[in-house]
Amino acid sequence: MEMELWGYIDGTCEQADTHRIANLIATRADWKNKYEELRAFNAALAEHMETEQPSMRFSKDVMDAISKTQIAPATDKYINPFIIRSIATFFIATIAVAIGYLLLSVKWDSPSTNALNVPTMHMERLFNATTLNVTIALTVVLGLVLLDGILRRNNKAHA
């Protein structure tokens, strides 16, 4: 009963509980007496209790205490060897498959110098004047954004 009344007084109970407790306070004398007692106690606490303010140097003392502590070095517990081995296995397998495909695509009995059957790419379709201009413009804009970030960081460091 007390826990429910404290939730009702603090306003932390749900909507359905609020209506049920309000109904119990209105209809039952024991709930009403306990509610009045707890509400008076809560009002007395709010009236006479003052929150303590930390000392003027509290923040400085805390920061000084933190600066004296050492950061724990990284241990092997943070690094999962299974993950590292999985990544290494993936890259080794990828390289092995690429080399295997390359060796299988070579015509070993061909006397010509073009032993690989590599498809020809038409680069003139990919690199025309429009794509070159767009690439240059994009590079300039990204370079200016990078320069702006560097200059802002330097201004904040000097300010």
Protein backbone atom coordinates (compact mmCIF):
# COMPACT_ATOMS: atom_id res chain seq x y z
CA MET A 1 0.00 0.00 0.00
CA GLU A 2 2.81 2.44 0.90
CA MET A 3 4.72 1.76 -2.31
CA GLU A 4 1.63 2.36 -4.41
CA LEU A 5 0.84 5.56 -2.50
CA TRP A 6 4.42 6.84 -2.94
CA GLY A 7 4.13 6.17 -6.68
CA TYR A 8 0.83 8.06 -6.69
CA ILE A 9 2.29 11.01 -4.76
CA ASP A 10 5.42 11.16 -6.94
CA GLY A 11 3.39 10.74 -10.13
CA THR A 12 5.41 7.73 -11.29
CA CYS A 13 2.59 5.18 -11.50
CA GLU A 14 0.68 4.35 -14.66
CA GLN A 15 -2.60 5.96 -15.68
CA ALA A 16 -4.73 2.94 -14.73
CA ASP A 17 -3.03 2.68 -11.32
CA THR A 18 -3.56 6.41 -10.74
CA HIS A 19 -7.34 6.04 -11.19
CA ARG A 20 -7.46 2.89 -9.05
CA ILE A 21 -5.46 4.46 -6.20
CA ALA A 22 -7.52 7.67 -6.34
CA ASN A 23 -10.66 5.54 -6.05
CA LEU A 24 -9.19 3.62 -3.07
CA ILE A 25 -8.26 6.89 -1.33
CA ALA A 26 -11.78 8.22 -1.85
CA THR A 27 -13.56 5.06 -0.66
CA ARG A 28 -11.37 3.49 2.05
CA ALA A 29 -10.44 5.22 5.28
CA ASP A 30 -7.16 3.34 5.83
CA TRP A 31 -5.89 4.34 2.37
CA LYS A 32 -6.98 7.95 2.93
CA ASN A 33 -5.26 8.14 6.35
CA LYS A 34 -2.04 6.66 5.01
CA TYR A 35 -2.19 8.98 1.98
CA GLU A 36 -2.59 12.07 4.19
CA GLU A 37 0.29 10.91 6.39
CA LEU A 38 2.64 10.31 3.46
CA ARG A 39 1.64 13.56 1.74
CA ALA A 40 2.32 15.54 4.93
CA PHE A 41 5.69 13.81 5.31
CA ASN A 42 6.55 14.58 1.67
CA ALA A 43 5.56 18.25 2.12
CA ALA A 44 7.67 18.50 5.30
CA LEU A 45 10.65 17.02 3.48
CA ALA A 46 10.26 19.43 0.59
CA GLU A 47 9.94 22.38 2.96
CA HIS A 48 12.82 21.64 5.35
CA MET A 49 15.31 19.81 3.20
CA GLU A 50 17.79 21.87 1.29
CA THR A 51 19.94 20.38 -1.42
CA GLU A 52 23.58 20.54 -0.56
CA GLN A 53 25.82 22.42 -2.92
CA PRO A 54 29.27 20.99 -3.59
CA SER A 55 32.24 23.07 -2.60
CA MET A 56 33.54 25.68 -5.01
CA ARG A 57 36.57 23.53 -5.72
CA PHE A 58 34.72 20.23 -6.13
CA SER A 59 34.99 20.06 -9.92
CA LYS A 60 38.66 20.99 -9.84
CA ASP A 61 39.36 18.33 -7.17
CA VAL A 62 37.57 15.67 -9.20
CA MET A 63 39.44 16.60 -12.38
CA ASP A 64 42.76 16.56 -10.50
CA ALA A 65 41.98 13.10 -9.11
CA ILE A 66 41.09 11.82 -12.57
CA SER A 67 44.26 13.24 -14.14
CA LYS A 68 46.41 11.27 -11.66
CA THR A 69 44.93 7.93 -12.72
CA GLN A 70 46.54 5.84 -15.44
CA ILE A 71 44.62 4.54 -18.41
CA ALA A 72 44.63 0.77 -18.38
CA PRO A 73 46.63 -0.63 -21.29
CA ALA A 74 44.86 -2.71 -23.87
CA THR A 75 44.93 -6.39 -23.10
CA ASP A 76 44.50 -9.47 -25.21
CA LYS A 77 41.03 -9.89 -23.75
CA TYR A 78 39.75 -7.09 -26.00
CA ILE A 79 41.07 -8.74 -29.16
CA ASN A 80 39.24 -11.85 -30.23
CA PRO A 81 41.71 -14.12 -32.06
CA PHE A 82 38.86 -15.90 -33.85
CA ILE A 83 37.85 -12.64 -35.57
CA ILE A 84 41.45 -11.90 -36.63
CA ARG A 85 41.89 -15.44 -37.99
CA SER A 86 38.56 -15.24 -39.82
CA ILE A 87 39.51 -11.99 -41.55
CA ALA A 88 42.95 -13.37 -42.47
CA THR A 89 41.37 -16.57 -43.80
CA PHE A 90 38.94 -14.59 -45.94
CA PHE A 91 41.69 -12.49 -47.53
CA ILE A 92 44.00 -15.47 -48.07
CA ALA A 93 41.15 -17.44 -49.66
CA THR A 94 40.27 -14.48 -51.90
CA ILE A 95 43.87 -14.11 -53.07
CA ALA A 96 44.15 -17.88 -53.63
CA VAL A 97 40.97 -17.93 -55.72
CA ALA A 98 42.16 -14.95 -57.80
CA ILE A 99 45.56 -16.55 -58.45
CA GLY A 100 43.90 -19.89 -59.22
CA TYR A 101 41.55 -18.28 -61.71
CA LEU A 102 44.45 -16.45 -63.33
CA LEU A 103 46.48 -19.65 -63.66
CA LEU A 104 43.51 -21.55 -65.08
CA SER A 105 42.76 -18.85 -67.66
CA VAL A 106 46.30 -18.96 -69.12
CA LYS A 107 46.58 -20.82 -72.42
CA TRP A 108 49.75 -22.75 -71.72
CA ASP A 109 49.99 -24.29 -75.16
CA SER A 110 49.63 -20.97 -77.01
CA PRO A 111 52.89 -19.73 -78.59
CA SER A 112 51.69 -16.13 -78.83
CA THR A 113 52.64 -13.40 -76.36
CA ASN A 114 48.98 -12.78 -75.54
CA ALA A 115 48.55 -15.95 -73.51
CA LEU A 116 45.89 -14.50 -71.20
CA ASN A 117 42.35 -14.28 -72.41
CA VAL A 118 41.67 -10.82 -70.98
CA PRO A 119 38.60 -9.01 -72.34
CA THR A 120 39.27 -5.63 -73.87
CA MET A 121 37.75 -2.59 -72.23
CA HIS A 122 36.66 0.44 -74.17
CA MET A 123 38.09 3.22 -72.02
CA GLU A 124 37.05 6.00 -74.39
CA ARG A 125 33.43 5.38 -73.38
CA LEU A 126 34.26 5.72 -69.67
CA PHE A 127 36.63 8.69 -69.80
CA ASN A 128 35.21 11.43 -71.94
CA ALA A 129 35.21 15.21 -71.41
CA THR A 130 32.07 15.22 -69.27
CA THR A 131 33.27 12.61 -66.77
CA LEU A 132 36.67 14.31 -66.60
CA ASN A 133 35.06 17.69 -65.79
CA VAL A 134 32.74 16.17 -63.18
CA THR A 135 35.66 14.36 -61.55
CA ILE A 136 37.75 17.53 -61.42
CA ALA A 137 34.85 19.58 -60.00
CA LEU A 138 34.12 16.93 -57.36
CA THR A 139 37.79 16.76 -56.39
CA VAL A 140 38.00 20.56 -56.03
CA VAL A 141 34.84 20.70 -53.89
CA LEU A 142 36.03 17.87 -51.61
CA GLY A 143 39.46 19.52 -51.34
CA LEU A 144 37.83 22.80 -50.29
CA VAL A 145 35.71 21.00 -47.68
CA LEU A 146 38.87 19.34 -46.32
CA LEU A 147 40.73 22.68 -46.25
CA ASP A 148 37.78 24.32 -44.47
CA GLY A 149 37.79 21.60 -41.81
CA ILE A 150 41.53 21.98 -41.24
CA LEU A 151 41.28 25.77 -40.97
CA ARG A 152 38.35 25.56 -38.54
CA ARG A 153 40.26 23.13 -36.36
CA ASN A 154 43.27 25.46 -36.33
CA ASN A 155 41.05 28.44 -35.43
CA LYS A 156 39.51 26.52 -32.50
CA ALA A 157 42.96 25.49 -31.30
CA HIS A 158 44.20 29.11 -31.31
CA ALA A 159 41.04 30.59 -29.79
